[in-house]
Amino acid sequence: MLLDIVQLIIAVLLVTTILLQNRGAGLGAAFGGSGNIYHTKRGVEKTLFIATIGLSAIFLVIAFINAVS
């Protein structure tokens, strides 16, 4: 029961961090409209990127524990 609540909270945080990552890659970038080929993440963008990876790893571990138990 507690793991389900924790997994739900992690899922909401993971969706939030994914939606906050604004890369500006709209429909124009799909057809070559974006001139940024090489882009270095800095500041808040890098923090969101690392937080997304961390939250996804935690979510995966909790989902595996829920599946086993």
PDB file of N, CA and C in Angstrom:
ATOM      1  N   MET A   1       0.825  -1.197   0.000  1.00  0.00           N
ATOM      2  CA  MET A   1       0.000   0.000   0.000  1.00  0.00           C
ATOM      3  C   MET A   1       0.869   1.261   0.000  1.00  0.00           C
ATOM      4  N   LEU A   2       1.888   1.270   0.851  1.00  0.00           N
ATOM      5  CA  LEU A   2       2.771   2.430   0.922  1.00  0.00           C
ATOM      6  C   LEU A   2       3.574   2.597  -0.368  1.00  0.00           C
ATOM      7  N   LEU A   3       4.026   1.470  -0.936  1.00  0.00           N
ATOM      8  CA  LEU A   3       4.773   1.551  -2.194  1.00  0.00           C
ATOM      9  C   LEU A   3       3.904   2.065  -3.334  1.00  0.00           C
ATOM     10  N   ASP A   4       2.613   1.736  -3.305  1.00  0.00           N
ATOM     11  CA  ASP A   4       1.710   2.242  -4.338  1.00  0.00           C
ATOM     12  C   ASP A   4       1.588   3.768  -4.271  1.00  0.00           C
ATOM     13  N   ILE A   5       1.499   4.291  -3.069  1.00  0.00           N
ATOM     14  CA  ILE A   5       1.402   5.741  -2.889  1.00  0.00           C
ATOM     15  C   ILE A   5       2.698   6.421  -3.316  1.00  0.00           C
ATOM     16  N   VAL A   6       3.828   5.829  -2.931  1.00  0.00           N
ATOM     17  CA  VAL A   6       5.124   6.391  -3.321  1.00  0.00           C
ATOM     18  C   VAL A   6       5.275   6.346  -4.839  1.00  0.00           C
ATOM     19  N   GLN A   7       4.857   5.245  -5.453  1.00  0.00           N
ATOM     20  CA  GLN A   7       4.961   5.130  -6.907  1.00  0.00           C
ATOM     21  C   GLN A   7       4.068   6.155  -7.600  1.00  0.00           C
ATOM     22  N   LEU A   8       2.909   6.414  -7.051  1.00  0.00           N
ATOM     23  CA  LEU A   8       2.017   7.422  -7.626  1.00  0.00           C
ATOM     24  C   LEU A   8       2.632   8.818  -7.538  1.00  0.00           C
ATOM     25  N   ILE A   9       3.237   9.130  -6.403  1.00  0.00           N
ATOM     26  CA  ILE A   9       3.890  10.435  -6.231  1.00  0.00           C
ATOM     27  C   ILE A   9       5.067  10.574  -7.193  1.00  0.00           C
ATOM     28  N   ILE A  10       5.872   9.511  -7.313  1.00  0.00           N
ATOM     29  CA  ILE A  10       7.014   9.536  -8.238  1.00  0.00           C
ATOM     30  C   ILE A  10       6.516   9.690  -9.677  1.00  0.00           C
ATOM     31  N   ALA A  11       5.411   9.037 -10.025  1.00  0.00           N
ATOM     32  CA  ALA A  11       4.868   9.141 -11.380  1.00  0.00           C
ATOM     33  C   ALA A  11       4.431  10.574 -11.689  1.00  0.00           C
ATOM     34  N   VAL A  12       3.781  11.219 -10.735  1.00  0.00           N
ATOM     35  CA  VAL A  12       3.348  12.610 -10.949  1.00  0.00           C
ATOM     36  C   VAL A  12       4.564  13.529 -11.093  1.00  0.00           C
ATOM     37  N   LEU A  13       5.574  13.322 -10.245  1.00  0.00           N
ATOM     38  CA  LEU A  13       6.793  14.134 -10.354  1.00  0.00           C
ATOM     39  C   LEU A  13       7.524  13.883 -11.669  1.00  0.00           C
ATOM     40  N   LEU A  14       7.526  12.635 -12.118  1.00  0.00           N
ATOM     41  CA  LEU A  14       8.191  12.297 -13.377  1.00  0.00           C
ATOM     42  C   LEU A  14       7.478  12.953 -14.558  1.00  0.00           C
ATOM     43  N   VAL A  15       6.169  12.907 -14.575  1.00  0.00           N
ATOM     44  CA  VAL A  15       5.414  13.560 -15.649  1.00  0.00           C
ATOM     45  C   VAL A  15       5.652  15.063 -15.623  1.00  0.00           C
ATOM     46  N   THR A  16       5.704  15.637 -14.428  1.00  0.00           N
ATOM     47  CA  THR A  16       5.940  17.072 -14.301  1.00  0.00           C
ATOM     48  C   THR A  16       7.310  17.469 -14.837  1.00  0.00           C
ATOM     49  N   THR A  17       8.340  16.708 -14.478  1.00  0.00           N
ATOM     50  CA  THR A  17       9.686  17.055 -14.965  1.00  0.00           C
ATOM     51  C   THR A  17       9.793  16.865 -16.468  1.00  0.00           C
ATOM     52  N   ILE A  18       9.100  15.878 -17.015  1.00  0.00           N
ATOM     53  CA  ILE A  18       9.132  15.686 -18.467  1.00  0.00           C
ATOM     54  C   ILE A  18       8.441  16.848 -19.172  1.00  0.00           C
ATOM     55  N   LEU A  19       7.303  17.287 -18.631  1.00  0.00           N
ATOM     56  CA  LEU A  19       6.577  18.385 -19.269  1.00  0.00           C
ATOM     57  C   LEU A  19       7.288  19.726 -19.116  1.00  0.00           C
ATOM     58  N   LEU A  20       8.097  19.864 -18.075  1.00  0.00           N
ATOM     59  CA  LEU A  20       8.811  21.128 -17.871  1.00  0.00           C
ATOM     60  C   LEU A  20      10.031  21.276 -18.777  1.00  0.00           C
ATOM     61  N   GLN A  21      10.443  20.195 -19.388  1.00  0.00           N
ATOM     62  CA  GLN A  21      11.598  20.273 -20.277  1.00  0.00           C
ATOM     63  C   GLN A  21      11.170  20.883 -21.602  1.00  0.00           C
ATOM     64  N   ASN A  22      11.366  22.172 -21.717  1.00  0.00           N
ATOM     65  CA  ASN A  22      10.985  22.892 -22.919  1.00  0.00           C
ATOM     66  C   ASN A  22      12.193  23.002 -23.824  1.00  0.00           C
ATOM     67  N   ARG A  23      12.233  22.201 -24.846  1.00  0.00           N
ATOM     68  CA  ARG A  23      13.370  22.213 -25.764  1.00  0.00           C
ATOM     69  C   ARG A  23      13.097  23.067 -26.990  1.00  0.00           C
ATOM     70  N   GLY A  24      11.865  23.527 -27.137  1.00  0.00           N
ATOM     71  CA  GLY A  24      11.533  24.331 -28.310  1.00  0.00           C
ATOM     72  C   GLY A  24      11.465  23.501 -29.577  1.00  0.00           C
ATOM     73  N   ALA A  25      11.365  22.203 -29.445  1.00  0.00           N
ATOM     74  CA  ALA A  25      11.325  21.330 -30.614  1.00  0.00           C
ATOM     75  C   ALA A  25       9.880  21.130 -31.037  1.00  0.00           C
ATOM     76  N   GLY A  26       9.386  22.061 -31.796  1.00  0.00           N
ATOM     77  CA  GLY A  26       8.017  21.963 -32.279  1.00  0.00           C
ATOM     78  C   GLY A  26       7.968  21.198 -33.589  1.00  0.00           C
ATOM     79  N   LEU A  27       6.925  21.444 -34.353  1.00  0.00           N
ATOM     80  CA  LEU A  27       6.752  20.758 -35.618  1.00  0.00           C
ATOM     81  C   LEU A  27       7.805  21.201 -36.633  1.00  0.00           C
ATOM     82  N   GLY A  28       8.258  22.439 -36.522  1.00  0.00           N
ATOM     83  CA  GLY A  28       9.279  22.925 -37.447  1.00  0.00           C
ATOM     84  C   GLY A  28      10.602  22.210 -37.296  1.00  0.00           C
ATOM     85  N   ALA A  29      10.934  21.783 -36.086  1.00  0.00           N
ATOM     86  CA  ALA A  29      12.188  21.071 -35.864  1.00  0.00           C
ATOM     87  C   ALA A  29      12.156  19.682 -36.487  1.00  0.00           C
ATOM     88  N   ALA A  30      10.964  19.119 -36.626  1.00  0.00           N
ATOM     89  CA  ALA A  30      10.854  17.789 -37.228  1.00  0.00           C
ATOM     90  C   ALA A  30      11.202  17.818 -38.706  1.00  0.00           C
ATOM     91  N   PHE A  31      11.029  18.968 -39.333  1.00  0.00           N
ATOM     92  CA  PHE A  31      11.323  19.095 -40.756  1.00  0.00           C
ATOM     93  C   PHE A  31      12.594  19.901 -41.021  1.00  0.00           C
ATOM     94  N   GLY A  32      13.477  19.961 -40.042  1.00  0.00           N
ATOM     95  CA  GLY A  32      14.751  20.617 -40.239  1.00  0.00           C
ATOM     96  C   GLY A  32      14.743  22.093 -39.945  1.00  0.00           C
ATOM     97  N   GLY A  33      13.745  22.604 -39.289  1.00  0.00           N
ATOM     98  CA  GLY A  33      13.658  24.023 -39.007  1.00  0.00           C
ATOM     99  C   GLY A  33      14.545  24.463 -37.861  1.00  0.00           C
ATOM    100  N   SER A  34      15.040  23.529 -37.075  1.00  0.00           N
ATOM    101  CA  SER A  34      15.866  23.882 -35.922  1.00  0.00           C
ATOM    102  C   SER A  34      17.322  23.956 -36.342  1.00  0.00           C
ATOM    103  N   GLY A  35      17.983  25.059 -35.996  1.00  0.00           N
ATOM    104  CA  GLY A  35      19.389  25.211 -36.341  1.00  0.00           C
ATOM    105  C   GLY A  35      20.322  24.743 -35.243  1.00  0.00           C
ATOM    106  N   ASN A  36      19.783  24.306 -34.117  1.00  0.00           N
ATOM    107  CA  ASN A  36      20.615  23.873 -32.999  1.00  0.00           C
ATOM    108  C   ASN A  36      20.912  22.385 -33.126  1.00  0.00           C
ATOM    109  N   ILE A  37      22.078  22.090 -33.692  1.00  0.00           N
ATOM    110  CA  ILE A  37      22.460  20.684 -33.809  1.00  0.00           C
ATOM    111  C   ILE A  37      23.124  20.245 -32.517  1.00  0.00           C
ATOM    112  N   TYR A  38      24.050  21.031 -32.035  1.00  0.00           N
ATOM    113  CA  TYR A  38      24.744  20.718 -30.784  1.00  0.00           C
ATOM    114  C   TYR A  38      24.260  21.684 -29.714  1.00  0.00           C
ATOM    115  N   HIS A  39      23.784  21.125 -28.619  1.00  0.00           N
ATOM    116  CA  HIS A  39      23.212  21.959 -27.566  1.00  0.00           C
ATOM    117  C   HIS A  39      23.672  21.410 -26.228  1.00  0.00           C
ATOM    118  N   THR A  40      24.262  22.262 -25.413  1.00  0.00           N
ATOM    119  CA  THR A  40      24.714  21.854 -24.090  1.00  0.00           C
ATOM    120  C   THR A  40      23.681  22.283 -23.061  1.00  0.00           C
ATOM    121  N   LYS A  41      23.299  21.324 -22.221  1.00  0.00           N
ATOM    122  CA  LYS A  41      22.330  21.636 -21.171  1.00  0.00           C
ATOM    123  C   LYS A  41      23.041  22.361 -20.033  1.00  0.00           C
ATOM    124  N   ARG A  42      22.435  23.448 -19.576  1.00  0.00           N
ATOM    125  CA  ARG A  42      23.021  24.219 -18.479  1.00  0.00           C
ATOM    126  C   ARG A  42      21.926  24.681 -17.546  1.00  0.00           C
ATOM    127  N   GLY A  43      22.295  24.865 -16.302  1.00  0.00           N
ATOM    128  CA  GLY A  43      21.392  25.444 -15.318  1.00  0.00           C
ATOM    129  C   GLY A  43      20.179  24.582 -15.019  1.00  0.00           C
ATOM    130  N   VAL A  44      19.016  25.203 -15.105  1.00  0.00           N
ATOM    131  CA  VAL A  44      17.763  24.533 -14.759  1.00  0.00           C
ATOM    132  C   VAL A  44      17.483  23.381 -15.721  1.00  0.00           C
ATOM    133  N   GLU A  45      17.832  23.559 -16.980  1.00  0.00           N
ATOM    134  CA  GLU A  45      17.592  22.506 -17.969  1.00  0.00           C
ATOM    135  C   GLU A  45      18.381  21.240 -17.620  1.00  0.00           C
ATOM    136  N   LYS A  46      19.610  21.409 -17.189  1.00  0.00           N
ATOM    137  CA  LYS A  46      20.430  20.262 -16.799  1.00  0.00           C
ATOM    138  C   LYS A  46      19.888  19.611 -15.527  1.00  0.00           C
ATOM    139  N   THR A  47      19.443  20.436 -14.578  1.00  0.00           N
ATOM    140  CA  THR A  47      18.873  19.911 -13.334  1.00  0.00           C
ATOM    141  C   THR A  47      17.602  19.108 -13.619  1.00  0.00           C
ATOM    142  N   LEU A  48      16.734  19.613 -14.495  1.00  0.00           N
ATOM    143  CA  LEU A  48      15.524  18.881 -14.862  1.00  0.00           C
ATOM    144  C   LEU A  48      15.861  17.576 -15.568  1.00  0.00           C
ATOM    145  N   PHE A  49      16.880  17.599 -16.410  1.00  0.00           N
ATOM    146  CA  PHE A  49      17.294  16.402 -17.131  1.00  0.00           C
ATOM    147  C   PHE A  49      17.775  15.323 -16.168  1.00  0.00           C
ATOM    148  N   ILE A  50      18.617  15.715 -15.214  1.00  0.00           N
ATOM    149  CA  ILE A  50      19.135  14.766 -14.227  1.00  0.00           C
ATOM    150  C   ILE A  50      18.016  14.280 -13.309  1.00  0.00           C
ATOM    151  N   ALA A  51      17.114  15.179 -12.923  1.00  0.00           N
ATOM    152  CA  ALA A  51      15.986  14.792 -12.075  1.00  0.00           C
ATOM    153  C   ALA A  51      15.074  13.809 -12.799  1.00  0.00           C
ATOM    154  N   THR A  52      14.890  13.986 -14.097  1.00  0.00           N
ATOM    155  CA  THR A  52      14.063  13.069 -14.870  1.00  0.00           C
ATOM    156  C   THR A  52      14.682  11.675 -14.909  1.00  0.00           C
ATOM    157  N   ILE A  53      15.986  11.615 -15.093  1.00  0.00           N
ATOM    158  CA  ILE A  53      16.668  10.320 -15.101  1.00  0.00           C
ATOM    159  C   ILE A  53      16.570   9.661 -13.732  1.00  0.00           C
ATOM    160  N   GLY A  54      16.794  10.424 -12.678  1.00  0.00           N
ATOM    161  CA  GLY A  54      16.723   9.879 -11.325  1.00  0.00           C
ATOM    162  C   GLY A  54      15.327   9.392 -10.978  1.00  0.00           C
ATOM    163  N   LEU A  55      14.319  10.197 -11.297  1.00  0.00           N
ATOM    164  CA  LEU A  55      12.939   9.805 -11.005  1.00  0.00           C
ATOM    165  C   LEU A  55      12.518   8.584 -11.806  1.00  0.00           C
ATOM    166  N   SER A  56      12.971   8.491 -13.053  1.00  0.00           N
ATOM    167  CA  SER A  56      12.614   7.319 -13.848  1.00  0.00           C
ATOM    168  C   SER A  56      13.276   6.058 -13.305  1.00  0.00           C
ATOM    169  N   ALA A  57      14.509   6.174 -12.808  1.00  0.00           N
ATOM    170  CA  ALA A  57      15.183   5.019 -12.207  1.00  0.00           C
ATOM    171  C   ALA A  57      14.473   4.583 -10.926  1.00  0.00           C
ATOM    172  N   ILE A  58      14.089   5.552 -10.097  1.00  0.00           N
ATOM    173  CA  ILE A  58      13.355   5.235  -8.865  1.00  0.00           C
ATOM    174  C   ILE A  58      12.011   4.602  -9.200  1.00  0.00           C
ATOM    175  N   PHE A  59      11.326   5.146 -10.200  1.00  0.00           N
ATOM    176  CA  PHE A  59      10.041   4.602 -10.606  1.00  0.00           C
ATOM    177  C   PHE A  59      10.188   3.161 -11.087  1.00  0.00           C
ATOM    178  N   LEU A  60      11.237   2.883 -11.852  1.00  0.00           N
ATOM    179  CA  LEU A  60      11.475   1.534 -12.358  1.00  0.00           C
ATOM    180  C   LEU A  60      11.743   0.557 -11.223  1.00  0.00           C
ATOM    181  N   VAL A  61      12.543   0.966 -10.256  1.00  0.00           N
ATOM    182  CA  VAL A  61      12.846   0.097  -9.114  1.00  0.00           C
ATOM    183  C   VAL A  61      11.589  -0.190  -8.297  1.00  0.00           C
ATOM    184  N   ILE A  62      10.795   0.845  -8.034  1.00  0.00           N
ATOM    185  CA  ILE A  62       9.572   0.652  -7.250  1.00  0.00           C
ATOM    186  C   ILE A  62       8.576  -0.216  -8.015  1.00  0.00           C
ATOM    187  N   ALA A  63       8.484  -0.035  -9.333  1.00  0.00           N
ATOM    188  CA  ALA A  63       7.583  -0.868 -10.126  1.00  0.00           C
ATOM    189  C   ALA A  63       8.032  -2.328 -10.092  1.00  0.00           C
ATOM    190  N   PHE A  64       9.330  -2.561 -10.140  1.00  0.00           N
ATOM    191  CA  PHE A  64       9.845  -3.934 -10.075  1.00  0.00           C
ATOM    192  C   PHE A  64       9.552  -4.541  -8.704  1.00  0.00           C
ATOM    193  N   ILE A  65       9.750  -3.776  -7.644  1.00  0.00           N
ATOM    194  CA  ILE A  65       9.464  -4.279  -6.289  1.00  0.00           C
ATOM    195  C   ILE A  65       7.981  -4.592  -6.146  1.00  0.00           C
ATOM    196  N   ASN A  66       7.108  -3.742  -6.697  1.00  0.00           N
ATOM    197  CA  ASN A  66       5.670  -3.990  -6.645  1.00  0.00           C
ATOM    198  C   ASN A  66       5.288  -5.241  -7.448  1.00  0.00           C
ATOM    199  N   ALA A  67       5.977  -5.475  -8.558  1.00  0.00           N
ATOM    200  CA  ALA A  67       5.659  -6.625  -9.380  1.00  0.00           C
ATOM    201  C   ALA A  67       6.096  -7.932  -8.702  1.00  0.00           C
ATOM    202  N   VAL A  68       7.218  -7.883  -7.994  1.00  0.00           N
ATOM    203  CA  VAL A  68       7.741  -9.086  -7.340  1.00  0.00           C
ATOM    204  C   VAL A  68       6.929  -9.426  -6.105  1.00  0.00           C
ATOM    205  N   SER A  69       6.549  -8.407  -5.359  1.00  0.00           N
ATOM    206  CA  SER A  69       5.829  -8.676  -4.095  1.00  0.00           C
ATOM    207  C   SER A  69       4.345  -8.833  -4.286  1.00  0.00           C
TER     208      SER A  69
END
